Amino acid sequence: MTILTRWDPYRELSSLQNRMSRLFEEQYGGGREDSLTAGAFVPAVDIYEDEHSIQLKLEVPGIDEKDLDIKVENNTLTVNGERKFEKEEKEENSHRVERRYGSFSRSFRLPNTVSTDDIQADCDHGVLKIRLAKRAEAKPKQIKVNIGQKTIEGKKEPQAAAKTSAA
């Protein structure tokens, strides 16, 4: 005796979606709320360059200057830091914690034009500003171009002699 069952493509699609969701949850560590607090904290950075320097601005709100470590080694600038989780008794009834905490490390490969001897770092209102001065030989130079003057063997030719030789 054969039993006929009705084929429902949406049921299979729903089953596939559930399996894919479980796969991503297993791969990336559980639910969204857990991953927000347990995930790696990586500060955003803006990089600017002008003719005199390269400047980096990292967002590090809530991090003390003593918890920041800036090093230059083998033309690589590395910024390490840690945002510590602050548990206060007043906030024991908190419903949601979305800010990320923990250690971070950002590395930047420096071009050869940067002087590693002249680096300045300041932290103001949660923004870490790092200024890397360029070497003097790397700065742009203006070169003057002489127009309309002929030279013979390294000497300027007088104007009258230039007219007679052209005729």
N, C-alpha and C. Protein backbone atom coordinates (compact mmCIF):
# COMPACT_ATOMS: atom_id res chain seq x y z
N MET A 1 0.83 -1.16 0.00
CA MET A 1 0.00 0.00 0.00
C MET A 1 0.89 1.24 0.00
N THR A 2 0.66 2.17 -0.85
CA THR A 2 1.44 3.40 -0.96
C THR A 2 0.66 4.56 -0.35
N ILE A 3 1.40 5.40 0.32
CA ILE A 3 0.78 6.56 0.94
C ILE A 3 1.27 7.80 0.21
N LEU A 4 0.34 8.59 -0.17
CA LEU A 4 0.67 9.84 -0.83
C LEU A 4 0.76 10.96 0.21
N THR A 5 1.83 11.71 0.14
CA THR A 5 1.97 12.88 1.01
C THR A 5 2.10 14.10 0.12
N ARG A 6 1.56 15.14 0.60
CA ARG A 6 1.60 16.37 -0.16
C ARG A 6 2.95 17.04 0.04
N TRP A 7 3.57 17.45 -1.05
CA TRP A 7 4.87 18.11 -1.01
C TRP A 7 4.66 19.60 -0.76
N ASP A 8 5.33 20.12 0.26
CA ASP A 8 5.23 21.54 0.60
C ASP A 8 6.62 22.16 0.49
N PRO A 9 6.89 22.93 -0.58
CA PRO A 9 8.24 23.50 -0.76
C PRO A 9 8.61 24.49 0.35
N TYR A 10 7.63 25.15 0.94
CA TYR A 10 7.92 26.13 1.99
C TYR A 10 8.41 25.45 3.26
N ARG A 11 7.92 24.24 3.53
CA ARG A 11 8.37 23.50 4.71
C ARG A 11 9.85 23.16 4.57
N GLU A 12 10.28 22.76 3.39
CA GLU A 12 11.68 22.44 3.18
C GLU A 12 12.55 23.70 3.23
N LEU A 13 12.01 24.80 2.70
CA LEU A 13 12.74 26.06 2.75
C LEU A 13 12.90 26.52 4.19
N SER A 14 11.87 26.37 4.99
CA SER A 14 11.94 26.73 6.41
C SER A 14 12.95 25.84 7.14
N SER A 15 12.95 24.58 6.81
CA SER A 15 13.91 23.66 7.42
C SER A 15 15.34 24.05 7.06
N LEU A 16 15.58 24.40 5.80
CA LEU A 16 16.91 24.83 5.36
C LEU A 16 17.33 26.10 6.08
N GLN A 17 16.40 27.05 6.24
CA GLN A 17 16.71 28.30 6.94
C GLN A 17 17.09 28.02 8.40
N ASN A 18 16.38 27.13 9.06
CA ASN A 18 16.69 26.79 10.45
C ASN A 18 18.07 26.15 10.57
N ARG A 19 18.40 25.28 9.63
CA ARG A 19 19.72 24.64 9.68
C ARG A 19 20.83 25.65 9.44
N MET A 20 20.61 26.59 8.52
CA MET A 20 21.62 27.62 8.25
C MET A 20 21.78 28.53 9.48
N SER A 21 20.69 28.87 10.14
CA SER A 21 20.76 29.71 11.34
C SER A 21 21.57 29.03 12.43
N ARG A 22 21.32 27.74 12.64
CA ARG A 22 22.09 27.00 13.64
C ARG A 22 23.56 26.94 13.29
N LEU A 23 23.86 26.79 11.99
CA LEU A 23 25.25 26.74 11.55
C LEU A 23 25.96 28.05 11.89
N PHE A 24 25.33 29.19 11.60
CA PHE A 24 25.95 30.47 11.89
C PHE A 24 26.05 30.72 13.40
N GLU A 25 25.07 30.30 14.16
CA GLU A 25 25.14 30.47 15.62
C GLU A 25 26.29 29.66 16.21
N GLU A 26 26.48 28.45 15.71
CA GLU A 26 27.58 27.62 16.21
C GLU A 26 28.93 28.22 15.81
N GLN A 27 29.00 28.74 14.59
CA GLN A 27 30.26 29.28 14.07
C GLN A 27 30.66 30.56 14.78
N TYR A 28 29.70 31.43 15.03
CA TYR A 28 30.04 32.75 15.56
C TYR A 28 29.63 32.97 17.00
N GLY A 29 29.37 31.91 17.73
CA GLY A 29 29.27 32.01 19.17
C GLY A 29 27.93 32.40 19.75
N GLY A 30 26.91 31.74 19.40
CA GLY A 30 25.64 31.90 20.11
C GLY A 30 24.82 33.07 19.64
N GLY A 31 23.98 33.55 20.56
CA GLY A 31 23.02 34.60 20.22
C GLY A 31 23.67 35.95 20.08
N ARG A 32 22.90 36.89 19.58
CA ARG A 32 23.38 38.23 19.31
C ARG A 32 23.79 38.96 20.58
N GLU A 33 23.01 38.84 21.65
CA GLU A 33 23.33 39.55 22.88
C GLU A 33 24.66 39.08 23.46
N ASP A 34 24.92 37.78 23.44
CA ASP A 34 26.17 37.27 23.96
C ASP A 34 27.35 37.74 23.13
N SER A 35 27.19 37.76 21.82
CA SER A 35 28.30 38.13 20.96
C SER A 35 28.64 39.60 21.06
N LEU A 36 27.66 40.45 21.42
CA LEU A 36 27.96 41.87 21.56
C LEU A 36 28.90 42.15 22.71
N THR A 37 28.72 41.48 23.83
CA THR A 37 29.58 41.75 24.97
C THR A 37 30.85 40.92 24.96
N ALA A 38 30.81 39.75 24.34
CA ALA A 38 31.98 38.87 24.35
C ALA A 38 32.87 39.08 23.14
N GLY A 39 32.39 39.80 22.13
CA GLY A 39 33.15 39.98 20.90
C GLY A 39 34.35 40.88 21.11
N ALA A 40 35.24 40.86 20.15
CA ALA A 40 36.46 41.65 20.25
C ALA A 40 36.14 43.13 20.05
N PHE A 41 36.76 43.95 20.87
CA PHE A 41 36.63 45.39 20.74
C PHE A 41 37.74 45.91 19.85
N VAL A 42 37.39 46.55 18.75
CA VAL A 42 38.37 47.10 17.83
C VAL A 42 37.98 48.56 17.56
N PRO A 43 38.79 49.52 18.00
CA PRO A 43 38.42 50.92 17.79
C PRO A 43 38.54 51.33 16.32
N ALA A 44 37.61 52.17 15.90
CA ALA A 44 37.65 52.72 14.54
C ALA A 44 38.80 53.71 14.43
N VAL A 45 39.36 53.84 13.22
CA VAL A 45 40.51 54.73 13.01
C VAL A 45 40.31 55.52 11.72
N ASP A 46 40.72 56.79 11.76
CA ASP A 46 40.80 57.64 10.57
C ASP A 46 42.27 57.97 10.36
N ILE A 47 42.71 57.94 9.10
CA ILE A 47 44.11 58.24 8.78
C ILE A 47 44.14 59.40 7.79
N TYR A 48 44.92 60.42 8.13
CA TYR A 48 45.07 61.61 7.30
C TYR A 48 46.54 61.81 6.96
N GLU A 49 46.80 62.42 5.80
CA GLU A 49 48.18 62.71 5.41
C GLU A 49 48.23 64.09 4.79
N ASP A 50 49.24 64.85 5.16
CA ASP A 50 49.53 66.11 4.51
C ASP A 50 51.02 66.12 4.16
N GLU A 51 51.54 67.25 3.73
CA GLU A 51 52.93 67.27 3.29
C GLU A 51 53.94 67.15 4.42
N HIS A 52 53.50 67.38 5.67
CA HIS A 52 54.42 67.34 6.80
C HIS A 52 54.29 66.10 7.68
N SER A 53 53.11 65.45 7.68
CA SER A 53 52.91 64.35 8.62
C SER A 53 51.78 63.42 8.18
N ILE A 54 51.71 62.29 8.89
CA ILE A 54 50.60 61.36 8.80
C ILE A 54 49.95 61.34 10.17
N GLN A 55 48.62 61.45 10.20
CA GLN A 55 47.92 61.52 11.48
C GLN A 55 46.89 60.41 11.56
N LEU A 56 46.82 59.77 12.72
CA LEU A 56 45.83 58.73 12.98
C LEU A 56 44.94 59.20 14.12
N LYS A 57 43.65 58.96 14.00
CA LYS A 57 42.70 59.27 15.06
C LYS A 57 41.93 58.00 15.37
N LEU A 58 42.10 57.48 16.58
CA LEU A 58 41.42 56.26 17.01
C LEU A 58 40.36 56.60 18.04
N GLU A 59 39.19 55.99 17.92
CA GLU A 59 38.12 56.18 18.89
C GLU A 59 38.35 55.24 20.06
N VAL A 60 38.65 55.80 21.22
CA VAL A 60 38.92 55.00 22.42
C VAL A 60 38.17 55.56 23.63
N PRO A 61 36.85 55.76 23.52
CA PRO A 61 36.13 56.31 24.67
C PRO A 61 36.09 55.33 25.83
N GLY A 62 36.22 55.87 27.02
CA GLY A 62 36.17 55.03 28.21
C GLY A 62 37.46 54.32 28.53
N ILE A 63 38.53 54.62 27.81
CA ILE A 63 39.82 53.98 28.07
C ILE A 63 40.77 55.02 28.66
N ASP A 64 41.37 54.70 29.79
CA ASP A 64 42.34 55.60 30.41
C ASP A 64 43.64 55.60 29.61
N GLU A 65 44.34 56.74 29.67
CA GLU A 65 45.62 56.85 28.96
C GLU A 65 46.62 55.81 29.45
N LYS A 66 46.53 55.44 30.72
CA LYS A 66 47.46 54.45 31.27
C LYS A 66 47.18 53.05 30.71
N ASP A 67 46.00 52.83 30.15
CA ASP A 67 45.66 51.53 29.57
C ASP A 67 45.97 51.46 28.08
N LEU A 68 46.60 52.50 27.53
CA LEU A 68 47.00 52.53 26.12
C LEU A 68 48.50 52.33 26.00
N ASP A 69 48.92 51.56 25.02
CA ASP A 69 50.34 51.29 24.79
C ASP A 69 50.61 51.48 23.30
N ILE A 70 51.52 52.39 22.96
CA ILE A 70 51.84 52.69 21.57
C ILE A 70 53.31 52.37 21.34
N LYS A 71 53.59 51.54 20.34
CA LYS A 71 54.96 51.13 20.05
C LYS A 71 55.22 51.22 18.55
N VAL A 72 56.48 51.49 18.19
CA VAL A 72 56.93 51.45 16.80
C VAL A 72 58.11 50.50 16.75
N GLU A 73 58.00 49.49 15.89
CA GLU A 73 59.07 48.52 15.73
C GLU A 73 59.05 48.01 14.30
N ASN A 74 60.20 48.05 13.63
CA ASN A 74 60.34 47.58 12.23
C ASN A 74 59.31 48.23 11.31
N ASN A 75 59.19 49.56 11.40
CA ASN A 75 58.25 50.34 10.59
C ASN A 75 56.80 49.90 10.75
N THR A 76 56.44 49.39 11.93
CA THR A 76 55.07 49.03 12.23
C THR A 76 54.65 49.73 13.52
N LEU A 77 53.58 50.50 13.43
CA LEU A 77 53.01 51.18 14.58
C LEU A 77 51.94 50.27 15.17
N THR A 78 52.04 49.97 16.46
CA THR A 78 51.07 49.10 17.12
C THR A 78 50.46 49.85 18.29
N VAL A 79 49.13 49.84 18.35
CA VAL A 79 48.40 50.47 19.45
C VAL A 79 47.65 49.36 20.17
N ASN A 80 47.97 49.18 21.46
CA ASN A 80 47.29 48.19 22.30
C ASN A 80 46.55 48.93 23.39
N GLY A 81 45.45 48.34 23.82
CA GLY A 81 44.70 48.95 24.91
C GLY A 81 43.67 48.00 25.45
N GLU A 82 42.98 48.46 26.49
CA GLU A 82 41.94 47.64 27.09
C GLU A 82 40.85 48.53 27.66
N ARG A 83 39.61 48.19 27.31
CA ARG A 83 38.46 48.84 27.92
C ARG A 83 37.91 47.86 28.94
N LYS A 84 37.97 48.27 30.21
CA LYS A 84 37.58 47.37 31.29
C LYS A 84 36.09 47.46 31.56
N PHE A 85 35.49 46.32 31.86
CA PHE A 85 34.06 46.27 32.19
C PHE A 85 33.87 46.81 33.59
N GLU A 86 33.02 47.81 33.72
CA GLU A 86 32.77 48.44 35.00
C GLU A 86 31.42 47.97 35.51
N LYS A 87 31.44 47.22 36.58
CA LYS A 87 30.19 46.72 37.15
C LYS A 87 29.89 47.55 38.39
N GLU A 88 28.78 48.26 38.32
CA GLU A 88 28.37 49.08 39.45
C GLU A 88 27.11 48.49 40.06
N GLU A 89 26.98 48.66 41.34
CA GLU A 89 25.81 48.14 42.04
C GLU A 89 24.53 48.85 41.59
N LYS A 90 24.64 50.12 41.20
CA LYS A 90 23.47 50.86 40.76
C LYS A 90 22.85 50.24 39.51
N GLU A 91 23.66 49.58 38.70
CA GLU A 91 23.20 49.06 37.41
C GLU A 91 22.91 47.57 37.48
N GLU A 92 22.59 47.04 38.65
CA GLU A 92 22.35 45.61 38.75
C GLU A 92 21.08 45.20 38.02
N ASN A 93 20.19 46.13 37.77
CA ASN A 93 18.96 45.82 37.05
C ASN A 93 19.05 46.19 35.57
N SER A 94 20.25 46.22 35.05
CA SER A 94 20.40 46.59 33.63
C SER A 94 19.78 45.51 32.76
N HIS A 95 19.20 45.93 31.67
CA HIS A 95 18.53 45.02 30.76
C HIS A 95 19.38 44.67 29.55
N ARG A 96 20.30 45.52 29.21
CA ARG A 96 21.07 45.31 27.99
C ARG A 96 22.44 45.93 28.12
N VAL A 97 23.47 45.23 27.68
CA VAL A 97 24.84 45.75 27.65
C VAL A 97 25.34 45.55 26.23
N GLU A 98 25.45 46.64 25.47
CA GLU A 98 25.86 46.54 24.07
C GLU A 98 27.26 47.04 23.81
N ARG A 99 27.83 47.81 24.74
CA ARG A 99 29.19 48.30 24.52
C ARG A 99 30.16 47.14 24.66
N ARG A 100 31.18 47.14 23.82
CA ARG A 100 32.16 46.06 23.84
C ARG A 100 33.30 46.40 24.79
N TYR A 101 33.79 45.36 25.43
CA TYR A 101 34.87 45.50 26.40
C TYR A 101 35.97 44.51 26.06
N GLY A 102 37.12 44.76 26.61
CA GLY A 102 38.23 43.84 26.43
C GLY A 102 39.44 44.51 25.83
N SER A 103 40.42 43.68 25.50
CA SER A 103 41.68 44.17 24.94
C SER A 103 41.56 44.32 23.43
N PHE A 104 42.38 45.21 22.89
CA PHE A 104 42.45 45.36 21.45
C PHE A 104 43.89 45.60 21.04
N SER A 105 44.16 45.37 19.78
CA SER A 105 45.47 45.64 19.20
C SER A 105 45.27 46.02 17.75
N ARG A 106 45.79 47.18 17.35
CA ARG A 106 45.74 47.62 15.96
C ARG A 106 47.17 47.88 15.51
N SER A 107 47.52 47.37 14.32
CA SER A 107 48.87 47.57 13.77
C SER A 107 48.76 48.24 12.42
N PHE A 108 49.71 49.14 12.15
CA PHE A 108 49.74 49.89 10.91
C PHE A 108 51.15 49.87 10.35
N ARG A 109 51.29 49.47 9.11
CA ARG A 109 52.59 49.45 8.44
C ARG A 109 52.91 50.88 8.02
N LEU A 110 54.06 51.38 8.44
CA LEU A 110 54.44 52.77 8.15
C LEU A 110 55.28 52.83 6.88
N PRO A 111 55.06 53.86 6.06
CA PRO A 111 55.91 54.02 4.88
C PRO A 111 57.31 54.48 5.29
N ASN A 112 58.26 54.34 4.39
CA ASN A 112 59.64 54.74 4.67
C ASN A 112 59.81 56.24 4.82
N THR A 113 58.81 57.01 4.42
CA THR A 113 58.90 58.47 4.49
C THR A 113 58.66 59.00 5.91
N VAL A 114 58.25 58.15 6.83
CA VAL A 114 57.94 58.58 8.20
C VAL A 114 59.18 58.50 9.07
N SER A 115 59.38 59.55 9.87
CA SER A 115 60.47 59.56 10.85
C SER A 115 59.95 58.93 12.13
N THR A 116 60.50 57.80 12.49
CA THR A 116 60.04 57.12 13.71
C THR A 116 60.58 57.78 14.98
N ASP A 117 61.45 58.78 14.83
CA ASP A 117 61.98 59.51 15.98
C ASP A 117 61.07 60.64 16.43
N ASP A 118 60.17 61.09 15.56
CA ASP A 118 59.30 62.23 15.87
C ASP A 118 57.84 61.79 15.81
N ILE A 119 57.37 61.21 16.93
CA ILE A 119 55.98 60.75 17.04
C ILE A 119 55.37 61.38 18.27
N GLN A 120 54.16 61.93 18.10
CA GLN A 120 53.45 62.54 19.21
C GLN A 120 52.09 61.87 19.36
N ALA A 121 51.64 61.66 20.59
CA ALA A 121 50.33 61.06 20.85
C ALA A 121 49.62 61.85 21.93
N ASP A 122 48.36 62.17 21.68
CA ASP A 122 47.51 62.88 22.63
C ASP A 122 46.16 62.19 22.69
N CYS A 123 45.55 62.19 23.85
CA CYS A 123 44.21 61.62 24.01
C CYS A 123 43.31 62.71 24.56
N ASP A 124 42.23 63.02 23.83
CA ASP A 124 41.34 64.10 24.22
C ASP A 124 39.90 63.70 23.90
N HIS A 125 39.05 63.68 24.91
CA HIS A 125 37.62 63.36 24.76
C HIS A 125 37.39 62.03 24.06
N GLY A 126 38.17 61.03 24.40
CA GLY A 126 37.97 59.69 23.85
C GLY A 126 38.54 59.48 22.46
N VAL A 127 39.34 60.42 21.97
CA VAL A 127 39.98 60.27 20.65
C VAL A 127 41.50 60.31 20.85
N LEU A 128 42.15 59.21 20.46
CA LEU A 128 43.61 59.13 20.52
C LEU A 128 44.16 59.65 19.20
N LYS A 129 44.96 60.72 19.26
CA LYS A 129 45.54 61.33 18.06
C LYS A 129 47.04 61.03 18.05
N ILE A 130 47.49 60.40 16.99
CA ILE A 130 48.91 60.07 16.83
C ILE A 130 49.42 60.82 15.60
N ARG A 131 50.48 61.60 15.78
CA ARG A 131 51.06 62.37 14.68
C ARG A 131 52.44 61.82 14.39
N LEU A 132 52.64 61.39 13.14
CA LEU A 132 53.92 60.85 12.69
C LEU A 132 54.52 61.84 11.69
N ALA A 133 55.62 62.48 12.07
CA ALA A 133 56.26 63.47 11.19
C ALA A 133 56.96 62.76 10.04
N LYS A 134 56.95 63.41 8.87
CA LYS A 134 57.68 62.88 7.72
C LYS A 134 59.13 63.34 7.77
N ARG A 135 60.00 62.57 7.16
CA ARG A 135 61.40 62.95 7.07
C ARG A 135 61.55 64.15 6.15
N ALA A 136 62.59 64.93 6.37
CA ALA A 136 62.81 66.13 5.57
C ALA A 136 62.99 65.80 4.10
N GLU A 137 63.69 64.69 3.80
CA GLU A 137 63.91 64.34 2.39
C GLU A 137 62.64 63.83 1.72
N ALA A 138 61.63 63.51 2.50
CA ALA A 138 60.38 62.99 1.92
C ALA A 138 59.38 64.11 1.62
N LYS A 139 59.63 65.30 2.14
CA LYS A 139 58.70 66.41 1.92
C LYS A 139 58.84 66.91 0.49
N PRO A 140 57.74 67.37 -0.10
CA PRO A 140 57.81 67.85 -1.49
C PRO A 140 58.69 69.09 -1.61
N LYS A 141 59.41 69.19 -2.72
CA LYS A 141 60.31 70.31 -2.97
C LYS A 141 59.90 71.00 -4.27
N GLN A 142 60.00 72.31 -4.27
CA GLN A 142 59.69 73.10 -5.45
C GLN A 142 60.96 73.24 -6.28
N ILE A 143 60.87 72.94 -7.56
CA ILE A 143 62.02 73.05 -8.47
C ILE A 143 61.71 74.12 -9.49
N LYS A 144 62.61 75.11 -9.60
CA LYS A 144 62.41 76.21 -10.53
C LYS A 144 62.88 75.78 -11.92
N VAL A 145 62.06 76.08 -12.91
CA VAL A 145 62.39 75.75 -14.30
C VAL A 145 62.71 77.05 -15.03
N ASN A 146 63.90 77.13 -15.63
CA ASN A 146 64.30 78.30 -16.41
C ASN A 146 63.77 78.15 -17.82
N ILE A 147 63.13 79.20 -18.33
CA ILE A 147 62.51 79.15 -19.66
C ILE A 147 63.18 80.17 -20.57
N GLY A 148 63.46 79.74 -21.81
CA GLY A 148 63.95 80.66 -22.83
C GLY A 148 65.41 81.01 -22.74
N GLN A 149 66.23 80.31 -22.05
CA GLN A 149 67.65 80.60 -21.97
C GLN A 149 68.42 79.40 -22.47
N LYS A 150 69.19 79.60 -23.52
CA LYS A 150 70.01 78.52 -24.06
C LYS A 150 71.35 78.50 -23.34
N THR A 151 71.94 77.34 -23.24
CA THR A 151 73.25 77.23 -22.61
C THR A 151 74.19 76.50 -23.55
N ILE A 152 75.44 76.92 -23.55
CA ILE A 152 76.47 76.25 -24.32
C ILE A 152 77.52 75.79 -23.32
N GLU A 153 77.72 74.49 -23.23
CA GLU A 153 78.69 73.89 -22.34
C GLU A 153 78.60 74.46 -20.92
N GLY A 154 77.36 74.54 -20.42
CA GLY A 154 77.16 74.96 -19.05
C GLY A 154 77.14 76.46 -18.86
N LYS A 155 77.35 77.29 -19.94
CA LYS A 155 77.32 78.74 -19.81
C LYS A 155 76.13 79.28 -20.59
N LYS A 156 75.58 80.39 -20.12
CA LYS A 156 74.46 81.01 -20.82
C LYS A 156 74.98 81.71 -22.06
N GLU A 157 74.24 81.58 -23.15
CA GLU A 157 74.62 82.23 -24.40
C GLU A 157 74.02 83.63 -24.41
N PRO A 158 74.79 84.62 -24.77
CA PRO A 158 74.24 85.99 -24.80
C PRO A 158 73.11 86.07 -25.82
N GLN A 159 72.16 86.99 -25.60
CA GLN A 159 70.98 87.13 -26.44
C GLN A 159 71.36 87.51 -27.88
N ALA A 160 72.32 88.42 -28.07
CA ALA A 160 72.69 88.89 -29.42
C ALA A 160 73.34 87.76 -30.21
N ALA A 161 74.18 86.98 -29.58
CA ALA A 161 74.85 85.87 -30.26
C ALA A 161 73.86 84.80 -30.63
N ALA A 162 72.84 84.62 -29.83
CA ALA A 162 71.82 83.60 -30.13
C ALA A 162 71.04 84.00 -31.36
N LYS A 163 70.81 85.33 -31.60
CA LYS A 163 70.02 85.79 -32.76
C LYS A 163 70.84 85.63 -34.03
N THR A 164 72.15 85.92 -34.00
CA THR A 164 72.96 85.84 -35.20
C THR A 164 73.22 84.40 -35.62
N SER A 165 73.34 83.53 -34.68
CA SER A 165 73.57 82.15 -35.04
C SER A 165 72.31 81.51 -35.58
N ALA A 166 71.16 82.04 -35.26
CA ALA A 166 69.89 81.49 -35.75
C ALA A 166 69.64 81.92 -37.17
N ALA A 167 70.22 83.02 -37.66
CA ALA A 167 69.96 83.56 -38.99
C ALA A 167 70.78 82.91 -40.05
